[in-house]
PDB file of N, CA and C in Angstrom:
ATOM      1  N   UNK A   1      16.920  54.716  84.461  1.00  0.00           N
ATOM      2  CA  UNK A   1      17.438  55.444  83.806  1.00  0.00           C
ATOM      3  C   UNK A   1      15.741  56.512  83.352  1.00  0.00           C
ATOM      4  N   UNK A   2      16.138  57.586  83.452  1.00  0.00           N
ATOM      5  CA  UNK A   2      14.831  58.404  83.084  1.00  0.00           C
ATOM      6  C   UNK A   2      14.670  58.718  81.315  1.00  0.00           C
ATOM      7  N   UNK A   3      13.586  58.580  81.063  1.00  0.00           N
ATOM      8  CA  UNK A   3      13.565  58.940  79.621  1.00  0.00           C
ATOM      9  C   UNK A   3      14.260  60.218  78.982  1.00  0.00           C
ATOM     10  N   UNK A   4      14.435  61.058  79.463  1.00  0.00           N
ATOM     11  CA  UNK A   4      15.756  62.125  78.844  1.00  0.00           C
ATOM     12  C   UNK A   4      16.995  61.567  78.981  1.00  0.00           C
ATOM     13  N   UNK A   5      17.561  61.033  79.854  1.00  0.00           N
ATOM     14  CA  UNK A   5      18.617  60.413  80.103  1.00  0.00           C
ATOM     15  C   UNK A   5      18.642  59.084  78.852  1.00  0.00           C
ATOM     16  N   UNK A   6      17.867  58.766  78.728  1.00  0.00           N
ATOM     17  CA  UNK A   6      17.981  57.554  77.833  1.00  0.00           C
ATOM     18  C   UNK A   6      17.773  58.126  76.448  1.00  0.00           C
ATOM     19  N   UNK A   7      17.553  58.996  76.252  1.00  0.00           N
ATOM     20  CA  UNK A   7      17.152  59.589  74.761  1.00  0.00           C
ATOM     21  C   UNK A   7      18.402  60.187  74.828  1.00  0.00           C
ATOM     22  N   UNK A   8      19.401  61.071  75.292  1.00  0.00           N
ATOM     23  CA  UNK A   8      20.588  62.003  75.318  1.00  0.00           C
ATOM     24  C   UNK A   8      21.768  60.985  74.896  1.00  0.00           C
ATOM     25  N   UNK A   9      21.231  59.478  75.547  1.00  0.00           N
ATOM     26  CA  UNK A   9      22.646  58.593  75.491  1.00  0.00           C
ATOM     27  C   UNK A   9      22.883  58.023  74.311  1.00  0.00           C
ATOM     28  N   UNK A  10      21.738  58.139  73.601  1.00  0.00           N
ATOM     29  CA  UNK A  10      21.471  57.707  71.673  1.00  0.00           C
ATOM     30  C   UNK A  10      22.381  58.472  70.747  1.00  0.00           C
ATOM     31  N   UNK A  11      22.394  57.609  69.651  1.00  0.00           N
ATOM     32  CA  UNK A  11      22.923  58.447  68.826  1.00  0.00           C
ATOM     33  C   UNK A  11      22.133  58.989  67.943  1.00  0.00           C
ATOM     34  N   UNK A  12      22.277  59.664  67.031  1.00  0.00           N
ATOM     35  CA  UNK A  12      21.068  60.746  66.088  1.00  0.00           C
ATOM     36  C   UNK A  12      20.103  59.717  65.527  1.00  0.00           C
ATOM     37  N   UNK A  13      20.597  58.440  65.114  1.00  0.00           N
ATOM     38  CA  UNK A  13      19.170  57.749  64.520  1.00  0.00           C
ATOM     39  C   UNK A  13      18.357  57.068  65.390  1.00  0.00           C
ATOM     40  N   UNK A  14      18.758  56.779  66.458  1.00  0.00           N
ATOM     41  CA  UNK A  14      18.437  56.345  67.564  1.00  0.00           C
ATOM     42  C   UNK A  14      17.451  57.259  68.318  1.00  0.00           C
ATOM     43  N   UNK A  15      17.797  58.101  68.243  1.00  0.00           N
ATOM     44  CA  UNK A  15      16.954  59.533  68.903  1.00  0.00           C
ATOM     45  C   UNK A  15      16.138  59.607  67.774  1.00  0.00           C
ATOM     46  N   UNK A  16      15.915  59.691  66.839  1.00  0.00           N
ATOM     47  CA  UNK A  16      14.787  59.968  65.677  1.00  0.00           C
ATOM     48  C   UNK A  16      13.718  58.580  65.758  1.00  0.00           C
ATOM     49  N   UNK A  17      14.370  57.456  65.908  1.00  0.00           N
ATOM     50  CA  UNK A  17      13.484  56.360  66.360  1.00  0.00           C
ATOM     51  C   UNK A  17      12.709  56.700  67.127  1.00  0.00           C
ATOM     52  N   UNK A  18      13.262  57.025  68.561  1.00  0.00           N
ATOM     53  CA  UNK A  18      12.706  57.040  69.894  1.00  0.00           C
ATOM     54  C   UNK A  18      11.514  58.114  69.596  1.00  0.00           C
ATOM     55  N   UNK A  19      11.816  59.290  68.870  1.00  0.00           N
ATOM     56  CA  UNK A  19      10.961  60.492  68.814  1.00  0.00           C
ATOM     57  C   UNK A  19       9.437  59.711  67.967  1.00  0.00           C
ATOM     58  N   UNK A  20      10.028  59.160  66.588  1.00  0.00           N
ATOM     59  CA  UNK A  20       8.654  58.474  66.255  1.00  0.00           C
ATOM     60  C   UNK A  20       8.132  57.564  66.764  1.00  0.00           C
ATOM     61  N   UNK A  21       8.783  56.648  67.617  1.00  0.00           N
ATOM     62  CA  UNK A  21       8.023  55.504  68.349  1.00  0.00           C
ATOM     63  C   UNK A  21       7.067  56.208  69.680  1.00  0.00           C
ATOM     64  N   UNK A  22       7.502  57.119  70.312  1.00  0.00           N
ATOM     65  CA  UNK A  22       6.924  58.011  70.937  1.00  0.00           C
ATOM     66  C   UNK A  22       6.050  58.619  70.769  1.00  0.00           C
ATOM     67  N   UNK A  23       5.773  59.558  69.188  1.00  0.00           N
ATOM     68  CA  UNK A  23       4.931  59.885  68.596  1.00  0.00           C
ATOM     69  C   UNK A  23       3.610  59.428  68.447  1.00  0.00           C
ATOM     70  N   UNK A  24       3.793  57.934  68.252  1.00  0.00           N
ATOM     71  CA  UNK A  24       3.225  56.865  67.619  1.00  0.00           C
ATOM     72  C   UNK A  24       1.993  56.698  68.767  1.00  0.00           C
ATOM     73  N   UNK A  25       2.900  56.319  69.854  1.00  0.00           N
ATOM     74  CA  UNK A  25       2.133  56.315  71.292  1.00  0.00           C
ATOM     75  C   UNK A  25       1.440  57.509  71.782  1.00  0.00           C
ATOM     76  N   UNK A  26       1.613  58.676  71.633  1.00  0.00           N
ATOM     77  CA  UNK A  26       1.131  59.843  71.908  1.00  0.00           C
ATOM     78  C   UNK A  26      -0.202  60.148  70.991  1.00  0.00           C
ATOM     79  N   UNK A  27       0.101  59.883  69.543  1.00  0.00           N
ATOM     80  CA  UNK A  27      -0.813  59.848  68.460  1.00  0.00           C
ATOM     81  C   UNK A  27      -2.172  59.116  69.115  1.00  0.00           C
ATOM     82  N   UNK A  28      -1.666  58.196  69.404  1.00  0.00           N
ATOM     83  CA  UNK A  28      -2.833  56.932  69.389  1.00  0.00           C
ATOM     84  C   UNK A  28      -3.437  57.086  70.542  1.00  0.00           C
ATOM     85  N   UNK A  29      -2.758  57.688  71.714  1.00  0.00           N
ATOM     86  CA  UNK A  29      -3.642  57.867  72.985  1.00  0.00           C
ATOM     87  C   UNK A  29      -4.360  59.190  72.781  1.00  0.00           C
ATOM     88  N   UNK A  30      -4.040  60.417  71.984  1.00  0.00           N
ATOM     89  CA  UNK A  30      -4.472  61.452  72.187  1.00  0.00           C
ATOM     90  C   UNK A  30      -5.171  61.763  70.744  1.00  0.00           C
ATOM     91  N   UNK A  31      -4.859  61.116  69.982  1.00  0.00           N
ATOM     92  CA  UNK A  31      -5.594  61.573  68.431  1.00  0.00           C
ATOM     93  C   UNK A  31      -4.525  62.411  67.962  1.00  0.00           C
ATOM     94  N   UNK A  32      -4.325  62.385  66.655  1.00  0.00           N
ATOM     95  CA  UNK A  32      -3.523  63.246  66.125  1.00  0.00           C
ATOM     96  C   UNK A  32      -3.742  64.798  66.190  1.00  0.00           C
ATOM     97  N   UNK A  33      -5.104  64.872  65.956  1.00  0.00           N
ATOM     98  CA  UNK A  33      -5.411  66.643  65.814  1.00  0.00           C
ATOM     99  C   UNK A  33      -5.238  67.298  67.241  1.00  0.00           C
ATOM    100  N   UNK A  34      -5.503  66.251  68.397  1.00  0.00           N
ATOM    101  CA  UNK A  34      -5.361  67.076  69.557  1.00  0.00           C
ATOM    102  C   UNK A  34      -3.731  67.047  70.150  1.00  0.00           C
ATOM    103  N   UNK A  35      -3.180  65.679  69.673  1.00  0.00           N
ATOM    104  CA  UNK A  35      -1.948  65.907  70.208  1.00  0.00           C
ATOM    105  C   UNK A  35      -0.612  67.037  69.713  1.00  0.00           C
ATOM    106  N   UNK A  36       0.001  67.280  70.595  1.00  0.00           N
ATOM    107  CA  UNK A  36       0.908  68.624  69.965  1.00  0.00           C
ATOM    108  C   UNK A  36       2.450  68.090  70.379  1.00  0.00           C
ATOM    109  N   UNK A  37       3.383  68.629  69.556  1.00  0.00           N
ATOM    110  CA  UNK A  37       4.544  68.624  69.760  1.00  0.00           C
ATOM    111  C   UNK A  37       5.143  68.451  71.068  1.00  0.00           C
ATOM    112  N   UNK A  38       4.664  69.384  71.981  1.00  0.00           N
ATOM    113  CA  UNK A  38       4.926  69.458  73.167  1.00  0.00           C
ATOM    114  C   UNK A  38       4.549  68.459  73.746  1.00  0.00           C
ATOM    115  N   UNK A  39       3.522  67.544  73.637  1.00  0.00           N
ATOM    116  CA  UNK A  39       3.125  66.604  74.217  1.00  0.00           C
ATOM    117  C   UNK A  39       4.069  65.237  74.069  1.00  0.00           C
ATOM    118  N   UNK A  40       4.574  65.368  72.759  1.00  0.00           N
ATOM    119  CA  UNK A  40       5.896  64.438  72.413  1.00  0.00           C
ATOM    120  C   UNK A  40       7.085  64.713  73.337  1.00  0.00           C
ATOM    121  N   UNK A  41       7.741  65.738  73.138  1.00  0.00           N
ATOM    122  CA  UNK A  41       8.656  66.466  73.805  1.00  0.00           C
ATOM    123  C   UNK A  41       8.267  66.166  75.230  1.00  0.00           C
ATOM    124  N   UNK A  42       7.356  66.405  75.680  1.00  0.00           N
ATOM    125  CA  UNK A  42       7.264  65.887  77.496  1.00  0.00           C
ATOM    126  C   UNK A  42       7.637  64.490  77.570  1.00  0.00           C
ATOM    127  N   UNK A  43       6.885  63.809  76.953  1.00  0.00           N
ATOM    128  CA  UNK A  43       6.882  62.497  76.793  1.00  0.00           C
ATOM    129  C   UNK A  43       8.258  62.044  76.847  1.00  0.00           C
ATOM    130  N   UNK A  44       9.214  62.609  76.269  1.00  0.00           N
ATOM    131  CA  UNK A  44      10.755  62.127  76.111  1.00  0.00           C
ATOM    132  C   UNK A  44      11.465  62.925  77.252  1.00  0.00           C
ATOM    133  N   UNK A  45      10.870  63.703  77.400  1.00  0.00           N
ATOM    134  CA  UNK A  45      11.636  64.562  79.034  1.00  0.00           C
ATOM    135  C   UNK A  45      12.492  65.670  77.821  1.00  0.00           C
ATOM    136  N   UNK A  46      11.961  66.208  76.905  1.00  0.00           N
ATOM    137  CA  UNK A  46      12.455  67.557  76.182  1.00  0.00           C
ATOM    138  C   UNK A  46      12.133  68.647  76.093  1.00  0.00           C
ATOM    139  N   UNK A  47      12.628  69.662  75.533  1.00  0.00           N
ATOM    140  CA  UNK A  47      12.028  71.023  75.155  1.00  0.00           C
ATOM    141  C   UNK A  47      11.543  70.672  73.859  1.00  0.00           C
ATOM    142  N   UNK A  48      10.427  71.561  73.671  1.00  0.00           N
ATOM    143  CA  UNK A  48       9.872  71.593  72.338  1.00  0.00           C
ATOM    144  C   UNK A  48      10.865  71.829  71.411  1.00  0.00           C
ATOM    145  N   UNK A  49      12.077  72.949  71.495  1.00  0.00           N
ATOM    146  CA  UNK A  49      12.966  73.655  70.824  1.00  0.00           C
ATOM    147  C   UNK A  49      13.858  72.207  70.684  1.00  0.00           C
ATOM    148  N   UNK A  50      14.387  71.659  71.585  1.00  0.00           N
ATOM    149  CA  UNK A  50      15.205  70.542  71.329  1.00  0.00           C
ATOM    150  C   UNK A  50      14.577  69.260  70.480  1.00  0.00           C
ATOM    151  N   UNK A  51      13.463  69.196  70.282  1.00  0.00           N
ATOM    152  CA  UNK A  51      12.600  68.230  69.163  1.00  0.00           C
ATOM    153  C   UNK A  51      12.790  68.724  68.105  1.00  0.00           C
ATOM    154  N   UNK A  52      12.499  70.122  67.667  1.00  0.00           N
ATOM    155  CA  UNK A  52      12.839  70.768  66.161  1.00  0.00           C
ATOM    156  C   UNK A  52      14.093  70.277  65.854  1.00  0.00           C
ATOM    157  N   UNK A  53      15.218  69.954  66.746  1.00  0.00           N
ATOM    158  CA  UNK A  53      16.559  69.519  65.751  1.00  0.00           C
ATOM    159  C   UNK A  53      16.431  68.466  64.910  1.00  0.00           C
ATOM    160  N   UNK A  54      15.035  67.481  65.182  1.00  0.00           N
ATOM    161  CA  UNK A  54      14.896  66.271  64.698  1.00  0.00           C
ATOM    162  C   UNK A  54      13.704  66.360  63.807  1.00  0.00           C
ATOM    163  N   UNK A  55      12.894  67.202  63.912  1.00  0.00           N
ATOM    164  CA  UNK A  55      11.678  66.989  63.297  1.00  0.00           C
ATOM    165  C   UNK A  55      10.992  68.467  62.826  1.00  0.00           C
ATOM    166  N   UNK A  56      10.793  68.969  61.728  1.00  0.00           N
ATOM    167  CA  UNK A  56      10.632  70.689  61.516  1.00  0.00           C
ATOM    168  C   UNK A  56       9.014  70.923  61.970  1.00  0.00           C
ATOM    169  N   UNK A  57       8.180  69.784  61.910  1.00  0.00           N
ATOM    170  CA  UNK A  57       6.539  70.051  62.436  1.00  0.00           C
ATOM    171  C   UNK A  57       5.999  68.770  62.929  1.00  0.00           C
ATOM    172  N   UNK A  58       4.971  69.082  63.228  1.00  0.00           N
ATOM    173  CA  UNK A  58       4.154  67.546  63.745  1.00  0.00           C
ATOM    174  C   UNK A  58       3.396  67.040  62.559  1.00  0.00           C
ATOM    175  N   UNK A  59       3.299  67.638  61.136  1.00  0.00           N
ATOM    176  CA  UNK A  59       3.220  67.082  59.687  1.00  0.00           C
ATOM    177  C   UNK A  59       4.241  66.092  59.295  1.00  0.00           C
ATOM    178  N   UNK A  60       5.545  67.035  59.659  1.00  0.00           N
ATOM    179  CA  UNK A  60       6.526  66.173  59.277  1.00  0.00           C
ATOM    180  C   UNK A  60       6.781  64.982  59.980  1.00  0.00           C
ATOM    181  N   UNK A  61       6.613  64.894  61.244  1.00  0.00           N
ATOM    182  CA  UNK A  61       6.558  63.789  61.729  1.00  0.00           C
ATOM    183  C   UNK A  61       5.546  62.865  61.633  1.00  0.00           C
ATOM    184  N   UNK A  62       4.502  63.106  61.294  1.00  0.00           N
ATOM    185  CA  UNK A  62       3.384  62.223  60.935  1.00  0.00           C
ATOM    186  C   UNK A  62       3.888  61.525  59.336  1.00  0.00           C
ATOM    187  N   UNK A  63       4.862  62.550  58.690  1.00  0.00           N
ATOM    188  CA  UNK A  63       4.969  61.719  57.354  1.00  0.00           C
ATOM    189  C   UNK A  63       5.780  60.895  57.635  1.00  0.00           C
ATOM    190  N   UNK A  64       7.008  60.934  58.810  1.00  0.00           N
ATOM    191  CA  UNK A  64       8.113  60.142  58.935  1.00  0.00           C
ATOM    192  C   UNK A  64       7.363  58.723  59.623  1.00  0.00           C
ATOM    193  N   UNK A  65       6.175  58.747  60.213  1.00  0.00           N
ATOM    194  CA  UNK A  65       5.668  57.824  60.733  1.00  0.00           C
ATOM    195  C   UNK A  65       5.083  57.020  59.472  1.00  0.00           C
ATOM    196  N   UNK A  66       4.242  57.707  58.597  1.00  0.00           N
ATOM    197  CA  UNK A  66       3.586  56.975  57.359  1.00  0.00           C
ATOM    198  C   UNK A  66       4.495  56.230  56.625  1.00  0.00           C
ATOM    199  N   UNK A  67       5.743  57.001  56.122  1.00  0.00           N
ATOM    200  CA  UNK A  67       6.600  56.199  55.717  1.00  0.00           C
ATOM    201  C   UNK A  67       7.040  54.774  56.156  1.00  0.00           C
ATOM    202  N   UNK A  68       7.705  54.975  57.623  1.00  0.00           N
ATOM    203  CA  UNK A  68       8.184  54.044  58.108  1.00  0.00           C
ATOM    204  C   UNK A  68       7.213  52.948  58.346  1.00  0.00           C
ATOM    205  N   UNK A  69       5.797  53.457  58.460  1.00  0.00           N
ATOM    206  CA  UNK A  69       4.848  52.127  58.074  1.00  0.00           C
ATOM    207  C   UNK A  69       4.543  51.470  57.299  1.00  0.00           C
ATOM    208  N   UNK A  70       4.781  52.332  56.307  1.00  0.00           N
ATOM    209  CA  UNK A  70       4.415  51.771  54.678  1.00  0.00           C
ATOM    210  C   UNK A  70       5.741  50.970  54.509  1.00  0.00           C
ATOM    211  N   UNK A  71       6.959  51.230  54.834  1.00  0.00           N
ATOM    212  CA  UNK A  71       8.297  50.521  54.557  1.00  0.00           C
ATOM    213  C   UNK A  71       7.942  49.229  55.251  1.00  0.00           C
ATOM    214  N   UNK A  72       7.566  49.181  56.420  1.00  0.00           N
ATOM    215  CA  UNK A  72       7.317  47.785  57.155  1.00  0.00           C
ATOM    216  C   UNK A  72       6.431  47.181  56.553  1.00  0.00           C
ATOM    217  N   UNK A  73       5.229  47.664  56.456  1.00  0.00           N
ATOM    218  CA  UNK A  73       4.028  47.013  55.587  1.00  0.00           C
ATOM    219  C   UNK A  73       4.652  46.246  54.767  1.00  0.00           C
ATOM    220  N   UNK A  74       5.343  47.026  53.607  1.00  0.00           N
ATOM    221  CA  UNK A  74       5.878  46.279  52.179  1.00  0.00           C
ATOM    222  C   UNK A  74       6.778  45.523  52.715  1.00  0.00           C
ATOM    223  N   UNK A  75       7.606  45.334  53.233  1.00  0.00           N
ATOM    224  CA  UNK A  75       9.051  44.642  53.776  1.00  0.00           C
ATOM    225  C   UNK A  75       8.264  43.294  54.264  1.00  0.00           C
ATOM    226  N   UNK A  76       7.026  43.362  55.018  1.00  0.00           N
ATOM    227  CA  UNK A  76       6.669  41.982  55.492  1.00  0.00           C
ATOM    228  C   UNK A  76       5.682  41.073  54.643  1.00  0.00           C
ATOM    229  N   UNK A  77       5.119  42.305  53.717  1.00  0.00           N
ATOM    230  CA  UNK A  77       4.488  41.480  52.625  1.00  0.00           C
ATOM    231  C   UNK A  77       5.447  41.022  51.602  1.00  0.00           C
ATOM    232  N   UNK A  78       6.483  41.457  51.763  1.00  0.00           N
ATOM    233  CA  UNK A  78       7.643  40.767  50.624  1.00  0.00           C
ATOM    234  C   UNK A  78       8.079  39.387  51.189  1.00  0.00           C
ATOM    235  N   UNK A  79       8.311  39.613  52.935  1.00  0.00           N
ATOM    236  CA  UNK A  79       8.729  38.170  53.587  1.00  0.00           C
ATOM    237  C   UNK A  79       7.595  37.039  53.297  1.00  0.00           C
ATOM    238  N   UNK A  80       6.423  37.513  53.140  1.00  0.00           N
ATOM    239  CA  UNK A  80       5.288  36.646  53.488  1.00  0.00           C
ATOM    240  C   UNK A  80       5.462  35.860  52.046  1.00  0.00           C
ATOM    241  N   UNK A  81       5.576  36.668  50.889  1.00  0.00           N
ATOM    242  CA  UNK A  81       5.835  36.445  49.402  1.00  0.00           C
ATOM    243  C   UNK A  81       6.807  35.176  49.258  1.00  0.00           C
ATOM    244  N   UNK A  82       8.012  35.758  49.792  1.00  0.00           N
ATOM    245  CA  UNK A  82       9.108  34.898  49.812  1.00  0.00           C
ATOM    246  C   UNK A  82       9.157  33.761  50.752  1.00  0.00           C
ATOM    247  N   UNK A  83       8.170  33.737  51.725  1.00  0.00           N
ATOM    248  CA  UNK A  83       7.822  32.481  52.169  1.00  0.00           C
ATOM    249  C   UNK A  83       6.834  31.717  51.612  1.00  0.00           C
ATOM    250  N   UNK A  84       6.222  32.190  50.806  1.00  0.00           N
ATOM    251  CA  UNK A  84       5.151  31.118  49.988  1.00  0.00           C
ATOM    252  C   UNK A  84       5.535  30.006  49.408  1.00  0.00           C
ATOM    253  N   UNK A  85       7.013  30.195  48.761  1.00  0.00           N
ATOM    254  CA  UNK A  85       7.288  29.134  47.821  1.00  0.00           C
ATOM    255  C   UNK A  85       7.945  27.649  49.098  1.00  0.00           C
ATOM    256  N   UNK A  86       8.588  28.224  50.113  1.00  0.00           N
ATOM    257  CA  UNK A  86       8.401  27.493  51.034  1.00  0.00           C
ATOM    258  C   UNK A  86       7.344  26.456  51.859  1.00  0.00           C
ATOM    259  N   UNK A  87       6.125  27.621  51.794  1.00  0.00           N
ATOM    260  CA  UNK A  87       4.987  27.206  52.472  1.00  0.00           C
ATOM    261  C   UNK A  87       4.570  25.758  51.388  1.00  0.00           C
ATOM    262  N   UNK A  88       4.374  26.439  50.217  1.00  0.00           N
ATOM    263  CA  UNK A  88       3.675  25.811  48.984  1.00  0.00           C
ATOM    264  C   UNK A  88       4.518  23.954  48.989  1.00  0.00           C
ATOM    265  N   UNK A  89       5.863  24.311  49.086  1.00  0.00           N
ATOM    266  CA  UNK A  89       6.750  23.108  48.899  1.00  0.00           C
ATOM    267  C   UNK A  89       6.717  22.060  50.565  1.00  0.00           C
ATOM    268  N   UNK A  90       6.576  22.711  51.881  1.00  0.00           N
ATOM    269  CA  UNK A  90       6.938  21.956  52.598  1.00  0.00           C
ATOM    270  C   UNK A  90       5.209  21.668  53.662  1.00  0.00           C
ATOM    271  N   UNK A  91       4.424  23.035  53.336  1.00  0.00           N
ATOM    272  CA  UNK A  91       2.937  22.761  53.797  1.00  0.00           C
ATOM    273  C   UNK A  91       3.260  23.380  55.420  1.00  0.00           C
ATOM    274  N   UNK A  92       4.308  23.860  55.702  1.00  0.00           N
ATOM    275  CA  UNK A  92       4.729  24.590  56.727  1.00  0.00           C
ATOM    276  C   UNK A  92       4.264  26.169  57.004  1.00  0.00           C
ATOM    277  N   UNK A  93       3.834  26.200  58.169  1.00  0.00           N
ATOM    278  CA  UNK A  93       3.349  28.138  58.108  1.00  0.00           C
ATOM    279  C   UNK A  93       4.243  28.714  59.092  1.00  0.00           C
ATOM    280  N   UNK A  94       5.487  28.167  59.259  1.00  0.00           N
ATOM    281  CA  UNK A  94       6.335  28.374  60.566  1.00  0.00           C
ATOM    282  C   UNK A  94       6.315  30.215  60.806  1.00  0.00           C
ATOM    283  N   UNK A  95       6.527  31.203  59.986  1.00  0.00           N
ATOM    284  CA  UNK A  95       6.788  32.527  60.683  1.00  0.00           C
ATOM    285  C   UNK A  95       5.766  33.326  59.975  1.00  0.00           C
ATOM    286  N   UNK A  96       4.544  32.648  59.258  1.00  0.00           N
ATOM    287  CA  UNK A  96       3.625  33.250  58.627  1.00  0.00           C
ATOM    288  C   UNK A  96       2.543  33.930  60.001  1.00  0.00           C
ATOM    289  N   UNK A  97       2.424  33.609  60.777  1.00  0.00           N
ATOM    290  CA  UNK A  97       1.431  33.981  61.832  1.00  0.00           C
ATOM    291  C   UNK A  97       1.997  35.306  62.427  1.00  0.00           C
ATOM    292  N   UNK A  98       3.527  35.254  62.535  1.00  0.00           N
ATOM    293  CA  UNK A  98       4.116  36.438  63.389  1.00  0.00           C
ATOM    294  C   UNK A  98       4.158  37.571  62.187  1.00  0.00           C
ATOM    295  N   UNK A  99       4.452  36.946  60.818  1.00  0.00           N
ATOM    296  CA  UNK A  99       4.465  38.356  59.633  1.00  0.00           C
ATOM    297  C   UNK A  99       2.987  39.115  59.178  1.00  0.00           C
ATOM    298  N   UNK A 100       2.061  38.154  59.796  1.00  0.00           N
ATOM    299  CA  UNK A 100       0.707  38.639  59.675  1.00  0.00           C
ATOM    300  C   UNK A 100       0.373  39.623  60.753  1.00  0.00           C
ATOM    301  N   UNK A 101       1.199  39.234  62.190  1.00  0.00           N
ATOM    302  CA  UNK A 101       0.844  40.189  63.292  1.00  0.00           C
ATOM    303  C   UNK A 101       1.708  41.618  63.405  1.00  0.00           C
ATOM    304  N   UNK A 102       2.980  41.381  62.343  1.00  0.00           N
ATOM    305  CA  UNK A 102       3.563  42.690  62.114  1.00  0.00           C
ATOM    306  C   UNK A 102       2.855  43.601  61.208  1.00  0.00           C
ATOM    307  N   UNK A 103       2.046  42.866  60.353  1.00  0.00           N
ATOM    308  CA  UNK A 103       1.517  43.252  59.238  1.00  0.00           C
ATOM    309  C   UNK A 103       0.353  44.099  59.851  1.00  0.00           C
ATOM    310  N   UNK A 104      -0.647  43.516  60.656  1.00  0.00           N
ATOM    311  CA  UNK A 104      -1.584  44.029  61.516  1.00  0.00           C
ATOM    312  C   UNK A 104      -1.313  45.167  62.267  1.00  0.00           C
ATOM    313  N   UNK A 105       0.028  44.826  62.872  1.00  0.00           N
ATOM    314  CA  UNK A 105       0.347  46.047  63.733  1.00  0.00           C
ATOM    315  C   UNK A 105       0.553  47.437  62.754  1.00  0.00           C
ATOM    316  N   UNK A 106       1.216  47.136  61.776  1.00  0.00           N
ATOM    317  CA  UNK A 106       1.658  48.608  60.800  1.00  0.00           C
ATOM    318  C   UNK A 106       0.275  48.852  60.277  1.00  0.00           C
ATOM    319  N   UNK A 107      -0.334  47.877  59.792  1.00  0.00           N
ATOM    320  CA  UNK A 107      -1.912  48.635  59.060  1.00  0.00           C
ATOM    321  C   UNK A 107      -2.443  49.541  60.083  1.00  0.00           C
ATOM    322  N   UNK A 108      -2.599  49.054  61.431  1.00  0.00           N
ATOM    323  CA  UNK A 108      -3.392  49.969  62.311  1.00  0.00           C
ATOM    324  C   UNK A 108      -2.726  51.471  62.593  1.00  0.00           C
ATOM    325  N   UNK A 109      -1.208  51.469  62.464  1.00  0.00           N
ATOM    326  CA  UNK A 109      -0.556  52.695  62.090  1.00  0.00           C
ATOM    327  C   UNK A 109      -0.863  53.761  61.217  1.00  0.00           C
ATOM    328  N   UNK A 110      -0.900  52.820  60.058  1.00  0.00           N
ATOM    329  CA  UNK A 110      -1.128  53.465  58.987  1.00  0.00           C
ATOM    330  C   UNK A 110      -2.638  54.047  58.814  1.00  0.00           C
ATOM    331  N   UNK A 111      -3.490  53.158  59.608  1.00  0.00           N
ATOM    332  CA  UNK A 111      -5.023  53.413  59.167  1.00  0.00           C
ATOM    333  C   UNK A 111      -5.000  54.979  60.178  1.00  0.00           C
ATOM    334  N   UNK A 112      -4.541  54.735  61.535  1.00  0.00           N
ATOM    335  CA  UNK A 112      -4.826  55.944  62.185  1.00  0.00           C
ATOM    336  C   UNK A 112      -4.237  57.114  61.551  1.00  0.00           C
ATOM    337  N   UNK A 113      -3.168  57.065  60.583  1.00  0.00           N
ATOM    338  CA  UNK A 113      -2.417  58.252  60.192  1.00  0.00           C
ATOM    339  C   UNK A 113      -3.361  58.791  59.100  1.00  0.00           C
ATOM    340  N   UNK A 114      -3.973  57.873  58.428  1.00  0.00           N
ATOM    341  CA  UNK A 114      -4.828  58.432  57.359  1.00  0.00           C
ATOM    342  C   UNK A 114      -6.361  58.757  57.856  1.00  0.00           C
ATOM    343  N   UNK A 115      -7.030  58.295  59.014  1.00  0.00           N
ATOM    344  CA  UNK A 115      -8.025  58.747  59.447  1.00  0.00           C
ATOM    345  C   UNK A 115      -7.577  60.069  59.940  1.00  0.00           C
ATOM    346  N   UNK A 116      -6.621  60.239  60.500  1.00  0.00           N
ATOM    347  CA  UNK A 116      -6.458  61.717  61.101  1.00  0.00           C
ATOM    348  C   UNK A 116      -5.936  62.531  59.936  1.00  0.00           C
ATOM    349  N   UNK A 117      -5.399  62.274  59.063  1.00  0.00           N
ATOM    350  CA  UNK A 117      -5.302  63.178  57.700  1.00  0.00           C
ATOM    351  C   UNK A 117      -6.866  63.556  57.503  1.00  0.00           C
ATOM    352  N   UNK A 118      -7.391  62.661  57.176  1.00  0.00           N
ATOM    353  CA  UNK A 118      -8.827  62.767  56.481  1.00  0.00           C
ATOM    354  C   UNK A 118      -9.762  63.805  57.316  1.00  0.00           C
ATOM    355  N   UNK A 119      -9.817  63.630  58.475  1.00  0.00           N
ATOM    356  CA  UNK A 119     -10.765  64.410  59.198  1.00  0.00           C
ATOM    357  C   UNK A 119     -10.213  66.113  59.118  1.00  0.00           C
ATOM    358  N   UNK A 120      -8.797  65.931  58.797  1.00  0.00           N
ATOM    359  CA  UNK A 120      -8.486  67.761  58.929  1.00  0.00           C
ATOM    360  C   UNK A 120      -9.379  68.683  57.906  1.00  0.00           C
TER     361      UNK A 120
END
């Protein structure tokens, strides 16, 4: 199934998530300042006007990426904090490595976004 067919078959919230995920990849690959909404649309197999049904601008898309990354970042910190009680009681570090890797991944997305914004 090509990207456009896959996109069209999803409900609106999943489409928005596909846009965000694709934008993160495009922004990482090309840099935020160089990347365009056309790049994101092309990657999804969409037209730029079709993309505007979901985001109003490149800045709006970056804001969605920020918010999602920060939410995930703090959710992971919360999960680690919740696990600390079990870790201290049992001495087991079961899911901490996975949670820290998730945290590192979100940090990289947040860092990219902030660095790009600072350079504007």
